[in-house]
Amino acid sequence: MMEAVAFKRVAIALIDVPANRLRQVKPWRVETLRKEIGDGGQPQHPINVAAEENGRFTLISGATRLAAVDLGGSAEIDARVIPASVLTPERRRLLEITENLNREELTKLERAENLVELKRVHEALYPQSRRGGDRRSAKAKAARADQSEIFSFSSEAAERTGLSRRAVEVAVGIVRGLSEATKARVRETWLEDHQAGLKLLSQQAPECQERICDVLFATPPEASTVADALAITEGRRLLSTGEKLFASTVGNWARLTARQRADFLDAQETAIREHAKKRGWFR
């Protein structure tokens, strides 16, 4: 495939943008990039296009760059051109996904959505990644197969993106758990780039997700975190700042190793001794 690749200027009017692209083109990103490259300028990195047999080109990756150059008044754009004959649909998708995942400005939701699509493409390209099994019950066999599939995918994705296997699994879980309606409401809000909030939201039933979004996006907002919004929807009292700090400290203590706990106690020796005296712990 690499021998067939060519780098050249391509007429923007000849480039078709697929409707099923993973990443949405956001106007503010287009305007920011246009200002960066200037009117009539070209982006630092060429876009990727497939050269179709009819003489036109299909965009693979670089929709924001394409829109920015077009907005800047250029009739052509620097492109990496690959003959369509050497690209399967999965290979096209893989090029789009890997470029998306390597771009820092992806929100947490966008990154998670790209990872889910990468999982699908990975399984299409490498069917053996779906193999797995267990010699016991059919239920256990299915569970083991699914686990094998996920870990195989995660290892591949981690290699391509620099993400840990656990981070990949969390991202996949987020996208699978969020309803389409919730994803639509979350886009272009602070929550789109808040992984902990997205994870907690994804663990709720769709109707609960809707109520949480109602609380978060009310005017004015009735809560500033998904955890607080969940508490409100469940009729629970919100914790005060001090209560949250105490709960966080206790939770972090439980996660410390024996060495870390010893270091903490040593650092707080004076306060601990004074407290022990007041309590009469040592006589």
Protein backbone atom coordinates (compact mmCIF):
# COMPACT_ATOMS: atom_id res chain seq x y z
CA MET A 1 0.00 0.00 0.00
CA MET A 2 2.76 2.42 0.89
CA GLU A 3 4.24 2.31 -2.66
CA ALA A 4 0.89 3.47 -4.03
CA VAL A 5 0.68 6.53 -1.78
CA ALA A 6 1.29 9.94 -3.33
CA PHE A 7 1.47 13.42 -1.80
CA LYS A 8 0.01 16.20 -3.94
CA ARG A 9 -2.38 19.14 -4.09
CA VAL A 10 -5.98 18.10 -4.68
CA ALA A 11 -8.86 20.34 -5.78
CA ILE A 12 -11.25 20.80 -2.85
CA ALA A 13 -14.21 20.68 -5.23
CA LEU A 14 -13.29 17.08 -6.10
CA ILE A 15 -13.27 15.85 -2.48
CA ASP A 16 -16.36 14.14 -1.09
CA VAL A 17 -16.84 13.98 2.69
CA PRO A 18 -18.60 10.81 3.94
CA ALA A 19 -21.69 11.35 6.04
CA ASN A 20 -20.74 8.63 8.54
CA ARG A 21 -17.54 10.21 9.83
CA LEU A 22 -16.87 9.56 13.51
CA ARG A 23 -15.75 13.02 14.47
CA GLN A 24 -18.01 16.00 14.04
CA VAL A 25 -16.58 19.15 12.46
CA LYS A 26 -17.00 21.92 15.01
CA PRO A 27 -17.11 25.51 13.72
CA TRP A 28 -14.85 26.87 16.45
CA ARG A 29 -12.17 24.34 15.55
CA VAL A 30 -12.41 25.29 11.88
CA GLU A 31 -12.15 29.02 12.63
CA THR A 32 -9.22 28.51 15.02
CA LEU A 33 -7.29 26.49 12.46
CA ARG A 34 -8.10 28.97 9.67
CA LYS A 35 -6.60 31.79 11.76
CA GLU A 36 -3.57 29.63 12.49
CA ILE A 37 -2.78 28.81 8.85
CA GLY A 38 -4.00 32.15 7.45
CA ASP A 39 -6.09 32.88 4.38
CA GLY A 40 -4.79 30.89 1.43
CA GLY A 41 -2.53 28.80 3.68
CA GLN A 42 -2.13 25.06 4.08
CA PRO A 43 -2.19 22.98 7.29
CA GLN A 44 1.01 21.48 8.66
CA HIS A 45 -0.20 17.93 8.05
CA PRO A 46 -1.87 16.82 4.78
CA ILE A 47 -5.31 15.29 4.82
CA ASN A 48 -5.84 11.65 3.81
CA VAL A 49 -8.01 10.90 0.79
CA ALA A 50 -8.88 7.85 -1.30
CA ALA A 51 -8.54 8.30 -5.07
CA GLU A 52 -11.71 6.82 -6.59
CA GLU A 53 -11.90 5.32 -10.07
CA ASN A 54 -14.28 8.08 -11.23
CA GLY A 55 -11.61 10.75 -10.74
CA ARG A 56 -13.00 12.10 -7.48
CA PHE A 57 -11.58 11.71 -3.98
CA THR A 58 -13.16 10.54 -0.73
CA LEU A 59 -11.97 12.07 2.52
CA ILE A 60 -10.55 9.57 5.01
CA SER A 61 -9.27 11.95 7.70
CA GLY A 62 -8.77 15.70 8.05
CA ALA A 63 -12.29 17.15 7.76
CA THR A 64 -11.47 20.10 10.02
CA ARG A 65 -8.35 20.91 7.99
CA LEU A 66 -10.34 20.62 4.78
CA ALA A 67 -13.02 23.00 6.06
CA ALA A 68 -10.42 25.49 7.34
CA VAL A 69 -8.53 25.63 4.04
CA ASP A 70 -11.80 25.99 2.14
CA LEU A 71 -12.87 28.80 4.49
CA GLY A 72 -9.52 30.49 3.92
CA GLY A 73 -10.20 30.73 0.21
CA SER A 74 -7.87 28.07 -1.21
CA ALA A 75 -9.11 25.96 -4.10
CA GLU A 76 -6.67 23.12 -3.36
CA ILE A 77 -5.32 21.32 -0.33
CA ASP A 78 -2.24 19.22 0.42
CA ALA A 79 -3.26 15.59 0.56
CA ARG A 80 -1.90 12.10 1.05
CA VAL A 81 -3.59 10.21 -1.77
CA ILE A 82 -4.20 6.46 -1.61
CA PRO A 83 -5.79 4.51 -4.47
CA ALA A 84 -9.24 3.29 -3.45
CA SER A 85 -8.43 -0.12 -4.91
CA VAL A 86 -6.00 -0.87 -2.06
CA LEU A 87 -8.36 0.28 0.71
CA THR A 88 -11.05 -1.92 2.20
CA PRO A 89 -13.80 -0.12 4.18
CA GLU A 90 -12.12 -1.34 7.39
CA ARG A 91 -8.73 0.04 6.34
CA ARG A 92 -10.27 3.42 5.56
CA ARG A 93 -11.93 3.45 8.95
CA LEU A 94 -8.72 2.43 10.68
CA LEU A 95 -6.85 5.38 9.13
CA GLU A 96 -9.57 7.75 10.29
CA ILE A 97 -9.66 6.35 13.83
CA THR A 98 -5.93 6.19 14.48
CA GLU A 99 -5.48 9.80 13.38
CA ASN A 100 -8.38 10.89 15.58
CA LEU A 101 -6.96 9.07 18.60
CA ASN A 102 -3.57 10.70 18.16
CA ARG A 103 -5.03 14.21 18.26
CA GLU A 104 -4.94 15.87 21.68
CA GLU A 105 -8.10 17.97 21.23
CA LEU A 106 -10.46 15.01 21.25
CA THR A 107 -12.92 15.22 24.11
CA LYS A 108 -13.26 12.23 26.41
CA LEU A 109 -16.52 11.24 24.72
CA GLU A 110 -15.06 11.57 21.21
CA ARG A 111 -12.05 9.48 22.21
CA ALA A 112 -14.29 6.81 23.71
CA GLU A 113 -16.44 6.70 20.57
CA ASN A 114 -13.35 6.28 18.41
CA LEU A 115 -12.15 3.42 20.61
CA VAL A 116 -15.47 1.62 20.26
CA GLU A 117 -15.28 1.92 16.48
CA LEU A 118 -11.66 0.76 16.60
CA LYS A 119 -12.88 -2.34 18.42
CA ARG A 120 -15.34 -3.07 15.62
CA VAL A 121 -12.73 -2.53 12.91
CA HIS A 122 -10.16 -4.60 14.81
CA GLU A 123 -12.55 -7.53 15.01
CA ALA A 124 -13.34 -7.24 11.29
CA LEU A 125 -9.65 -7.20 10.35
CA TYR A 126 -8.58 -9.82 12.89
CA PRO A 127 -11.48 -12.28 13.40
CA GLN A 128 -9.26 -14.49 15.55
CA SER A 129 -9.40 -11.79 18.25
CA ARG A 130 -12.96 -12.91 18.95
CA ARG A 131 -11.90 -16.45 19.80
CA GLY A 132 -12.00 -17.55 23.37
CA GLY A 133 -13.70 -20.17 25.39
CA ASP A 134 -14.15 -22.25 28.43
CA ARG A 135 -14.63 -26.01 28.73
CA ARG A 136 -17.33 -25.65 31.37
CA SER A 137 -20.88 -24.36 30.97
CA ALA A 138 -22.12 -22.49 27.91
CA LYS A 139 -22.64 -19.37 30.05
CA ALA A 140 -19.07 -19.48 31.35
CA LYS A 141 -17.83 -20.12 27.82
CA ALA A 142 -19.63 -17.03 26.52
CA ALA A 143 -18.27 -14.91 29.36
CA ARG A 144 -14.72 -16.12 28.75
CA ALA A 145 -15.04 -15.50 25.00
CA ASP A 146 -16.24 -11.95 25.59
CA GLN A 147 -13.41 -11.34 28.06
CA SER A 148 -10.85 -12.72 25.62
CA GLU A 149 -12.27 -10.52 22.87
CA ILE A 150 -12.10 -7.38 25.01
CA PHE A 151 -8.58 -7.99 26.25
CA SER A 152 -7.33 -8.78 22.76
CA PHE A 153 -8.85 -5.56 21.45
CA SER A 154 -7.57 -3.54 24.37
CA SER A 155 -4.01 -4.73 23.87
CA GLU A 156 -4.16 -3.74 20.20
CA ALA A 157 -5.70 -0.35 20.95
CA ALA A 158 -3.21 0.36 23.73
CA GLU A 159 -0.35 -0.29 21.31
CA ARG A 160 -1.82 2.08 18.71
CA THR A 161 -2.89 4.88 21.06
CA GLY A 162 -0.62 4.65 24.10
CA LEU A 163 -3.61 3.97 26.33
CA SER A 164 -3.61 1.29 28.99
CA ARG A 165 -5.85 -1.73 28.56
CA ARG A 166 -7.94 -0.59 31.50
CA ALA A 167 -8.38 2.90 30.02
CA VAL A 168 -9.60 1.37 26.76
CA GLU A 169 -12.10 -0.86 28.58
CA VAL A 170 -13.45 2.12 30.55
CA ALA A 171 -13.90 4.10 27.33
CA VAL A 172 -15.73 1.24 25.66
CA GLY A 173 -17.96 0.84 28.71
CA ILE A 174 -18.85 4.55 28.65
CA VAL A 175 -20.01 4.51 25.03
CA ARG A 176 -21.91 1.27 25.42
CA GLY A 177 -23.65 2.54 28.54
CA LEU A 178 -24.71 5.98 27.33
CA SER A 179 -27.96 6.21 25.39
CA GLU A 180 -27.96 8.05 22.07
CA ALA A 181 -30.21 10.72 23.56
CA THR A 182 -27.75 11.26 26.41
CA LYS A 183 -24.79 11.55 24.03
CA ALA A 184 -26.66 14.21 22.08
CA ARG A 185 -27.38 16.23 25.24
CA VAL A 186 -23.82 15.93 26.52
CA ARG A 187 -22.11 17.19 23.36
CA GLU A 188 -20.76 20.73 23.46
CA THR A 189 -21.05 20.80 27.28
CA TRP A 190 -18.41 20.52 30.00
CA LEU A 191 -19.50 16.94 30.61
CA GLU A 192 -18.35 15.82 27.16
CA ASP A 193 -14.76 16.14 28.39
CA HIS A 194 -15.24 14.83 31.96
CA GLN A 195 -14.46 11.13 32.02
CA ALA A 196 -15.43 10.42 35.64
CA GLY A 197 -18.80 12.06 35.09
CA LEU A 198 -19.36 10.21 31.82
CA LYS A 199 -18.46 6.91 33.46
CA LEU A 200 -20.90 7.38 36.34
CA LEU A 201 -23.61 8.56 33.95
CA SER A 202 -23.08 5.54 31.69
CA GLN A 203 -23.70 3.20 34.63
CA GLN A 204 -27.25 4.47 35.06
CA ALA A 205 -30.39 3.35 33.25
CA PRO A 206 -31.39 5.52 30.23
CA GLU A 207 -34.34 7.11 32.05
CA CYS A 208 -32.05 7.96 34.97
CA GLN A 209 -29.52 9.47 32.55
CA GLU A 210 -32.28 11.71 31.23
CA ARG A 211 -33.20 12.93 34.72
CA ILE A 212 -29.55 13.56 35.58
CA CYS A 213 -29.13 15.66 32.43
CA ASP A 214 -32.27 17.61 33.34
CA VAL A 215 -30.68 18.49 36.68
CA LEU A 216 -27.23 19.31 35.25
CA PHE A 217 -28.43 21.40 32.33
CA ALA A 218 -31.28 23.24 34.02
CA THR A 219 -31.21 27.05 34.05
CA PRO A 220 -29.58 27.59 36.45
CA PRO A 221 -28.01 24.13 36.99
CA GLU A 222 -29.30 22.32 40.06
CA ALA A 223 -26.03 20.41 40.46
CA SER A 224 -22.46 20.78 39.23
CA THR A 225 -21.45 17.12 39.14
CA VAL A 226 -23.02 13.89 37.94
CA ALA A 227 -22.70 12.45 41.44
CA ASP A 228 -24.67 15.34 42.95
CA ALA A 229 -27.26 15.19 40.18
CA LEU A 230 -27.69 11.46 40.80
CA ALA A 231 -28.18 12.10 44.50
CA ILE A 232 -30.87 14.68 43.75
CA THR A 233 -32.73 12.34 41.38
CA GLU A 234 -32.65 9.64 44.06
CA GLY A 235 -33.89 12.01 46.77
CA ARG A 236 -30.69 11.87 48.79
CA ARG A 237 -29.19 14.80 50.68
CA LEU A 238 -26.17 16.40 49.05
CA LEU A 239 -22.96 16.17 51.04
CA SER A 240 -21.35 19.39 52.19
CA THR A 241 -17.86 20.33 51.00
CA GLY A 242 -16.41 19.16 54.31
CA GLU A 243 -18.26 15.85 54.11
CA LYS A 244 -17.04 15.27 50.58
CA LEU A 245 -13.46 16.02 51.63
CA PHE A 246 -13.72 13.62 54.57
CA ALA A 247 -15.19 10.86 52.38
CA SER A 248 -12.49 11.41 49.76
CA THR A 249 -9.74 11.24 52.40
CA VAL A 250 -11.10 8.02 53.88
CA GLY A 251 -11.41 6.51 50.42
CA ASN A 252 -7.86 7.48 49.47
CA TRP A 253 -6.53 6.05 52.76
CA ALA A 254 -8.05 2.68 51.90
CA ARG A 255 -6.20 2.70 48.57
CA LEU A 256 -2.78 3.50 50.04
CA THR A 257 -0.14 0.81 50.39
CA ALA A 258 1.28 -0.07 53.84
CA ARG A 259 4.41 1.95 53.03
CA GLN A 260 2.40 4.99 51.93
CA ARG A 261 0.30 4.84 55.11
CA ALA A 262 3.45 4.67 57.24
CA ASP A 263 4.93 7.67 55.40
CA PHE A 264 1.69 9.62 55.97
CA LEU A 265 1.63 8.80 59.70
CA ASP A 266 5.28 9.82 60.02
CA ALA A 267 4.54 13.14 58.32
CA GLN A 268 1.64 13.77 60.74
CA GLU A 269 3.40 12.51 63.88
CA THR A 270 2.99 15.73 65.89
CA ALA A 271 -0.74 16.01 65.20
CA ILE A 272 -1.25 12.31 65.90
CA ARG A 273 0.56 12.50 69.26
CA GLU A 274 -1.48 15.54 70.32
CA HIS A 275 -4.73 13.86 69.31
CA ALA A 276 -3.75 10.66 71.17
CA LYS A 277 -3.11 12.68 74.32
CA LYS A 278 -6.48 14.38 74.14
CA ARG A 279 -8.21 11.05 73.63
CA GLY A 280 -6.26 9.37 76.40
CA TRP A 281 -5.22 6.53 74.13
CA PHE A 282 -1.90 6.08 75.90
CA ARG A 283 -1.65 6.03 79.71
